[in-house]
Amino acid sequence: MLKIRAYVLTIMLYGELGTDEMVFDSFMPEFESIISLSKAFLEHHCTPNFQAEGSFSSNSGLIQPLYLVAAKCRDGRLRREAIRLLGAKPWREGVWWSLGAARVGAWLLGVEEAGMGGVMPVTSEKRVRLLSMDFREVEGERAMSVCAVGGDGEVKVGGWNWSLRMDGMQSDGNIDPMLGGAGLHA
């Protein structure tokens, strides 16, 4: 976990100092390491004791690092793996909610790859920077809305609703853009 945290802090520091989203392209080895170390942790035989489905921890863990990969890495394979890991089961770490992070990551991926026709990497004009994220929960109903601006100056908006029940979670769509992008809109 400390190695993951070191990678995250390095990426975030240089990202803040950069003038555009292209700065994150130089961190592909770090993004790859975050994914491989996260998978090793999540697949370890002791992990279910610490990260049971629906669990809450006040400590920082894997959600924020995996979200960073989903939001800032421009390697589609790594982004999709981060989204898959976040969406595999619901858990919370402080203000971070795994399914919400997966949904926002999937939305960002969908917005950036829209109209690319499989051409990679994502060009600077197609890259987006998240401006705001609003999350509300009232009586078992969760709503999330996001706003981002693209490299071309175009503003993108997305939003989702969830209904939480004792027998599971009902969502307005699929968080996985690889399965058709249901529920993702820009």
C-alpha atoms as a PDB file:
ATOM      1  CA  MET A   1       0.000   0.000   0.000  1.00  0.00           C
ATOM      2  CA  LEU A   2       2.860   2.393   0.715  1.00  0.00           C
ATOM      3  CA  LYS A   3       4.333   1.853  -2.742  1.00  0.00           C
ATOM      4  CA  ILE A   4       0.937   2.554  -4.327  1.00  0.00           C
ATOM      5  CA  ARG A   5       0.605   5.723  -2.228  1.00  0.00           C
ATOM      6  CA  ALA A   6       4.099   6.866  -3.320  1.00  0.00           C
ATOM      7  CA  TYR A   7       3.159   6.422  -6.989  1.00  0.00           C
ATOM      8  CA  VAL A   8      -0.101   8.324  -6.471  1.00  0.00           C
ATOM      9  CA  LEU A   9       1.592  11.243  -4.722  1.00  0.00           C
ATOM     10  CA  THR A  10       4.269  11.479  -7.441  1.00  0.00           C
ATOM     11  CA  ILE A  11       1.686  11.456 -10.235  1.00  0.00           C
ATOM     12  CA  MET A  12      -0.512  14.003  -8.480  1.00  0.00           C
ATOM     13  CA  LEU A  13       2.408  16.343  -7.732  1.00  0.00           C
ATOM     14  CA  TYR A  14       3.637  16.402 -11.313  1.00  0.00           C
ATOM     15  CA  GLY A  15       0.074  16.559 -12.579  1.00  0.00           C
ATOM     16  CA  GLU A  16      -0.527  19.712 -10.566  1.00  0.00           C
ATOM     17  CA  LEU A  17       2.661  21.253 -11.944  1.00  0.00           C
ATOM     18  CA  GLY A  18       1.794  20.359 -15.548  1.00  0.00           C
ATOM     19  CA  THR A  19       0.037  22.755 -17.871  1.00  0.00           C
ATOM     20  CA  ASP A  20      -2.287  20.197 -19.497  1.00  0.00           C
ATOM     21  CA  GLU A  21      -3.511  16.608 -19.304  1.00  0.00           C
ATOM     22  CA  MET A  22      -0.651  15.389 -21.529  1.00  0.00           C
ATOM     23  CA  VAL A  23       1.705  15.385 -18.507  1.00  0.00           C
ATOM     24  CA  PHE A  24       0.109  12.135 -17.321  1.00  0.00           C
ATOM     25  CA  ASP A  25       1.381  10.237 -20.383  1.00  0.00           C
ATOM     26  CA  SER A  26       4.839  10.047 -18.815  1.00  0.00           C
ATOM     27  CA  PHE A  27       3.507   7.939 -15.914  1.00  0.00           C
ATOM     28  CA  MET A  28       2.526   4.751 -17.747  1.00  0.00           C
ATOM     29  CA  PRO A  29       4.946   2.569 -15.688  1.00  0.00           C
ATOM     30  CA  GLU A  30       3.494   3.990 -12.449  1.00  0.00           C
ATOM     31  CA  PHE A  31      -0.097   3.448 -13.621  1.00  0.00           C
ATOM     32  CA  GLU A  32       0.797  -0.151 -14.564  1.00  0.00           C
ATOM     33  CA  SER A  33       2.343  -0.690 -11.100  1.00  0.00           C
ATOM     34  CA  ILE A  34      -0.722   0.738  -9.338  1.00  0.00           C
ATOM     35  CA  ILE A  35      -2.914  -1.752 -11.201  1.00  0.00           C
ATOM     36  CA  SER A  36      -0.658  -4.766 -10.606  1.00  0.00           C
ATOM     37  CA  LEU A  37      -0.119  -3.967  -6.910  1.00  0.00           C
ATOM     38  CA  SER A  38      -3.843  -3.298  -6.401  1.00  0.00           C
ATOM     39  CA  LYS A  39      -4.745  -6.600  -8.031  1.00  0.00           C
ATOM     40  CA  ALA A  40      -2.205  -8.420  -5.855  1.00  0.00           C
ATOM     41  CA  PHE A  41      -3.720  -6.837  -2.753  1.00  0.00           C
ATOM     42  CA  LEU A  42      -7.344  -7.494  -3.779  1.00  0.00           C
ATOM     43  CA  GLU A  43      -6.572 -11.117  -4.706  1.00  0.00           C
ATOM     44  CA  HIS A  44      -4.632 -11.843  -1.496  1.00  0.00           C
ATOM     45  CA  HIS A  45      -6.299 -14.448   0.745  1.00  0.00           C
ATOM     46  CA  CYS A  46      -6.485 -11.998   3.704  1.00  0.00           C
ATOM     47  CA  THR A  47      -8.196  -9.201   1.779  1.00  0.00           C
ATOM     48  CA  PRO A  48     -11.814 -10.381   2.344  1.00  0.00           C
ATOM     49  CA  ASN A  49     -11.258  -9.860   6.072  1.00  0.00           C
ATOM     50  CA  PHE A  50     -10.324  -6.217   5.504  1.00  0.00           C
ATOM     51  CA  GLN A  51     -12.506  -5.350   2.534  1.00  0.00           C
ATOM     52  CA  ALA A  52     -15.805  -7.159   2.814  1.00  0.00           C
ATOM     53  CA  GLU A  53     -18.529  -6.135   0.387  1.00  0.00           C
ATOM     54  CA  GLY A  54     -20.293  -3.034   1.658  1.00  0.00           C
ATOM     55  CA  SER A  55     -17.511  -2.286   4.134  1.00  0.00           C
ATOM     56  CA  PHE A  56     -16.378   1.141   5.243  1.00  0.00           C
ATOM     57  CA  SER A  57     -12.924   2.261   6.276  1.00  0.00           C
ATOM     58  CA  SER A  58     -11.914   5.724   7.366  1.00  0.00           C
ATOM     59  CA  ASN A  59      -8.422   5.034   5.986  1.00  0.00           C
ATOM     60  CA  SER A  60      -7.227   5.742   2.488  1.00  0.00           C
ATOM     61  CA  GLY A  61      -6.834   2.518   0.542  1.00  0.00           C
ATOM     62  CA  LEU A  62      -7.236   1.510  -3.095  1.00  0.00           C
ATOM     63  CA  ILE A  63     -10.229   3.507  -4.336  1.00  0.00           C
ATOM     64  CA  GLN A  64      -8.406   6.788  -4.891  1.00  0.00           C
ATOM     65  CA  PRO A  65      -5.359   5.187  -6.587  1.00  0.00           C
ATOM     66  CA  LEU A  66      -7.583   3.122  -8.888  1.00  0.00           C
ATOM     67  CA  TYR A  67      -9.698   6.192  -9.646  1.00  0.00           C
ATOM     68  CA  LEU A  68      -6.510   8.085 -10.546  1.00  0.00           C
ATOM     69  CA  VAL A  69      -5.686   5.390 -13.126  1.00  0.00           C
ATOM     70  CA  ALA A  70      -9.256   5.442 -14.488  1.00  0.00           C
ATOM     71  CA  ALA A  71      -9.280   9.245 -14.746  1.00  0.00           C
ATOM     72  CA  LYS A  72      -5.731  10.196 -15.784  1.00  0.00           C
ATOM     73  CA  CYS A  73      -4.137   7.212 -17.523  1.00  0.00           C
ATOM     74  CA  ARG A  74      -4.754   7.186 -21.275  1.00  0.00           C
ATOM     75  CA  ASP A  75      -4.022   3.468 -21.796  1.00  0.00           C
ATOM     76  CA  GLY A  76      -7.501   2.028 -22.375  1.00  0.00           C
ATOM     77  CA  ARG A  77      -6.532  -1.417 -21.085  1.00  0.00           C
ATOM     78  CA  LEU A  78      -5.279  -0.037 -17.741  1.00  0.00           C
ATOM     79  CA  ARG A  79      -8.252   2.309 -17.395  1.00  0.00           C
ATOM     80  CA  ARG A  80     -10.725  -0.499 -18.010  1.00  0.00           C
ATOM     81  CA  GLU A  81      -8.955  -2.718 -15.468  1.00  0.00           C
ATOM     82  CA  ALA A  82      -9.094   0.061 -12.849  1.00  0.00           C
ATOM     83  CA  ILE A  83     -12.821   0.533 -13.543  1.00  0.00           C
ATOM     84  CA  ARG A  84     -13.390  -3.233 -13.347  1.00  0.00           C
ATOM     85  CA  LEU A  85     -11.603  -3.459  -9.972  1.00  0.00           C
ATOM     86  CA  LEU A  86     -13.544  -0.485  -8.588  1.00  0.00           C
ATOM     87  CA  GLY A  87     -16.869  -1.853  -9.804  1.00  0.00           C
ATOM     88  CA  ALA A  88     -16.322  -5.447  -8.679  1.00  0.00           C
ATOM     89  CA  LYS A  89     -17.998  -4.829  -5.298  1.00  0.00           C
ATOM     90  CA  PRO A  90     -19.182  -1.855  -3.255  1.00  0.00           C
ATOM     91  CA  TRP A  91     -16.913  -0.547  -0.503  1.00  0.00           C
ATOM     92  CA  ARG A  92     -16.077   2.849   0.996  1.00  0.00           C
ATOM     93  CA  GLU A  93     -12.871   4.507   2.119  1.00  0.00           C
ATOM     94  CA  GLY A  94     -13.490   7.875   3.728  1.00  0.00           C
ATOM     95  CA  VAL A  95     -15.345   9.998   1.181  1.00  0.00           C
ATOM     96  CA  TRP A  96     -14.503   7.565  -1.637  1.00  0.00           C
ATOM     97  CA  TRP A  97     -17.166   5.065  -2.777  1.00  0.00           C
ATOM     98  CA  SER A  98     -15.888   2.334  -5.108  1.00  0.00           C
ATOM     99  CA  LEU A  99     -18.961   2.206  -7.364  1.00  0.00           C
ATOM    100  CA  GLY A 100     -19.141   5.996  -7.691  1.00  0.00           C
ATOM    101  CA  ALA A 101     -15.432   6.151  -8.571  1.00  0.00           C
ATOM    102  CA  ALA A 102     -15.968   3.389 -11.139  1.00  0.00           C
ATOM    103  CA  ARG A 103     -18.920   5.242 -12.653  1.00  0.00           C
ATOM    104  CA  VAL A 104     -17.028   8.541 -12.985  1.00  0.00           C
ATOM    105  CA  GLY A 105     -13.967   6.747 -14.395  1.00  0.00           C
ATOM    106  CA  ALA A 106     -16.151   4.954 -16.958  1.00  0.00           C
ATOM    107  CA  TRP A 107     -17.832   8.220 -17.911  1.00  0.00           C
ATOM    108  CA  LEU A 108     -14.480   9.981 -18.405  1.00  0.00           C
ATOM    109  CA  LEU A 109     -13.247   7.053 -20.506  1.00  0.00           C
ATOM    110  CA  GLY A 110     -16.406   7.138 -22.621  1.00  0.00           C
ATOM    111  CA  VAL A 111     -16.219  10.909 -23.160  1.00  0.00           C
ATOM    112  CA  GLU A 112     -12.542  10.811 -24.153  1.00  0.00           C
ATOM    113  CA  GLU A 113     -12.817   7.800 -26.453  1.00  0.00           C
ATOM    114  CA  ALA A 114     -16.081   8.901 -28.124  1.00  0.00           C
ATOM    115  CA  GLY A 115     -15.571   9.306 -31.835  1.00  0.00           C
ATOM    116  CA  MET A 116     -11.955   8.107 -31.701  1.00  0.00           C
ATOM    117  CA  GLY A 117     -12.691   4.975 -33.743  1.00  0.00           C
ATOM    118  CA  GLY A 118     -10.156   2.969 -31.762  1.00  0.00           C
ATOM    119  CA  VAL A 119      -7.326   5.401 -32.551  1.00  0.00           C
ATOM    120  CA  MET A 120      -5.027   5.743 -29.573  1.00  0.00           C
ATOM    121  CA  PRO A 121      -3.654   7.531 -27.699  1.00  0.00           C
ATOM    122  CA  VAL A 122      -6.375  10.005 -26.818  1.00  0.00           C
ATOM    123  CA  THR A 123      -5.450  13.336 -28.402  1.00  0.00           C
ATOM    124  CA  SER A 124      -5.074  16.485 -26.314  1.00  0.00           C
ATOM    125  CA  GLU A 125      -8.306  17.930 -27.780  1.00  0.00           C
ATOM    126  CA  LYS A 126     -10.300  14.866 -26.610  1.00  0.00           C
ATOM    127  CA  ARG A 127      -8.866  14.783 -23.075  1.00  0.00           C
ATOM    128  CA  VAL A 128     -11.077  16.109 -20.323  1.00  0.00           C
ATOM    129  CA  ARG A 129     -10.423  17.582 -16.923  1.00  0.00           C
ATOM    130  CA  LEU A 130     -13.017  17.070 -14.209  1.00  0.00           C
ATOM    131  CA  LEU A 131     -14.308  20.405 -12.925  1.00  0.00           C
ATOM    132  CA  SER A 132     -16.839  19.242 -10.357  1.00  0.00           C
ATOM    133  CA  MET A 133     -18.354  16.135  -8.843  1.00  0.00           C
ATOM    134  CA  ASP A 134     -21.493  16.287  -6.710  1.00  0.00           C
ATOM    135  CA  PHE A 135     -22.725  13.339  -4.673  1.00  0.00           C
ATOM    136  CA  ARG A 136     -25.956  13.253  -2.689  1.00  0.00           C
ATOM    137  CA  GLU A 137     -27.570  10.516  -0.635  1.00  0.00           C
ATOM    138  CA  VAL A 138     -31.087  10.811   0.775  1.00  0.00           C
ATOM    139  CA  GLU A 139     -33.073   7.878   2.204  1.00  0.00           C
ATOM    140  CA  GLY A 140     -31.286   5.179   0.225  1.00  0.00           C
ATOM    141  CA  GLU A 141     -31.259   7.151  -3.016  1.00  0.00           C
ATOM    142  CA  ARG A 142     -27.883   8.230  -4.357  1.00  0.00           C
ATOM    143  CA  ALA A 143     -27.352  10.776  -7.080  1.00  0.00           C
ATOM    144  CA  MET A 144     -24.098  11.822  -8.665  1.00  0.00           C
ATOM    145  CA  SER A 145     -23.395  14.512 -11.218  1.00  0.00           C
ATOM    146  CA  VAL A 146     -20.130  15.518 -12.852  1.00  0.00           C
ATOM    147  CA  CYS A 147     -18.909  18.313 -15.064  1.00  0.00           C
ATOM    148  CA  ALA A 148     -15.712  18.298 -17.127  1.00  0.00           C
ATOM    149  CA  VAL A 149     -14.068  20.466 -19.759  1.00  0.00           C
ATOM    150  CA  GLY A 150     -12.297  19.079 -22.804  1.00  0.00           C
ATOM    151  CA  GLY A 151      -9.032  20.199 -24.343  1.00  0.00           C
ATOM    152  CA  ASP A 152     -11.148  21.894 -27.011  1.00  0.00           C
ATOM    153  CA  GLY A 153     -12.991  23.928 -24.335  1.00  0.00           C
ATOM    154  CA  GLU A 154     -16.252  21.992 -24.659  1.00  0.00           C
ATOM    155  CA  VAL A 155     -18.077  21.356 -21.364  1.00  0.00           C
ATOM    156  CA  LYS A 156     -19.387  17.826 -20.715  1.00  0.00           C
ATOM    157  CA  VAL A 157     -21.979  16.884 -18.080  1.00  0.00           C
ATOM    158  CA  GLY A 158     -22.996  13.466 -16.744  1.00  0.00           C
ATOM    159  CA  GLY A 159     -25.277  12.191 -14.002  1.00  0.00           C
ATOM    160  CA  TRP A 160     -26.495   8.945 -12.441  1.00  0.00           C
ATOM    161  CA  ASN A 161     -28.957   7.694  -9.831  1.00  0.00           C
ATOM    162  CA  TRP A 162     -28.826   4.618  -7.621  1.00  0.00           C
ATOM    163  CA  SER A 163     -31.429   3.102  -5.363  1.00  0.00           C
ATOM    164  CA  LEU A 164     -30.058   1.118  -2.432  1.00  0.00           C
ATOM    165  CA  ARG A 165     -32.124  -1.706  -1.016  1.00  0.00           C
ATOM    166  CA  MET A 166     -31.463  -4.471   1.483  1.00  0.00           C
ATOM    167  CA  ASP A 167     -31.371  -7.071  -1.319  1.00  0.00           C
ATOM    168  CA  GLY A 168     -28.847  -5.188  -3.447  1.00  0.00           C
ATOM    169  CA  MET A 169     -28.214  -2.092  -5.488  1.00  0.00           C
ATOM    170  CA  GLN A 170     -30.337  -0.911  -8.382  1.00  0.00           C
ATOM    171  CA  SER A 171     -28.584   1.374 -10.846  1.00  0.00           C
ATOM    172  CA  ASP A 172     -29.747   3.311 -13.852  1.00  0.00           C
ATOM    173  CA  GLY A 173     -27.157   1.643 -16.058  1.00  0.00           C
ATOM    174  CA  ASN A 174     -23.983  -0.307 -16.482  1.00  0.00           C
ATOM    175  CA  ILE A 175     -20.745   1.210 -15.154  1.00  0.00           C
ATOM    176  CA  ASP A 176     -18.692  -0.721 -17.670  1.00  0.00           C
ATOM    177  CA  PRO A 177     -18.292   1.113 -21.004  1.00  0.00           C
ATOM    178  CA  MET A 178     -16.952  -2.093 -22.572  1.00  0.00           C
ATOM    179  CA  LEU A 179     -20.474  -3.527 -22.343  1.00  0.00           C
ATOM    180  CA  GLY A 180     -22.122  -0.873 -24.412  1.00  0.00           C
ATOM    181  CA  GLY A 181     -21.872   2.189 -22.170  1.00  0.00           C
ATOM    182  CA  ALA A 182     -25.456   2.065 -20.872  1.00  0.00           C
ATOM    183  CA  GLY A 183     -26.011   4.902 -18.456  1.00  0.00           C
ATOM    184  CA  LEU A 184     -23.045   6.889 -19.755  1.00  0.00           C
ATOM    185  CA  HIS A 185     -23.802  10.170 -21.391  1.00  0.00           C
ATOM    186  CA  ALA A 186     -21.976  13.358 -22.198  1.00  0.00           C
END
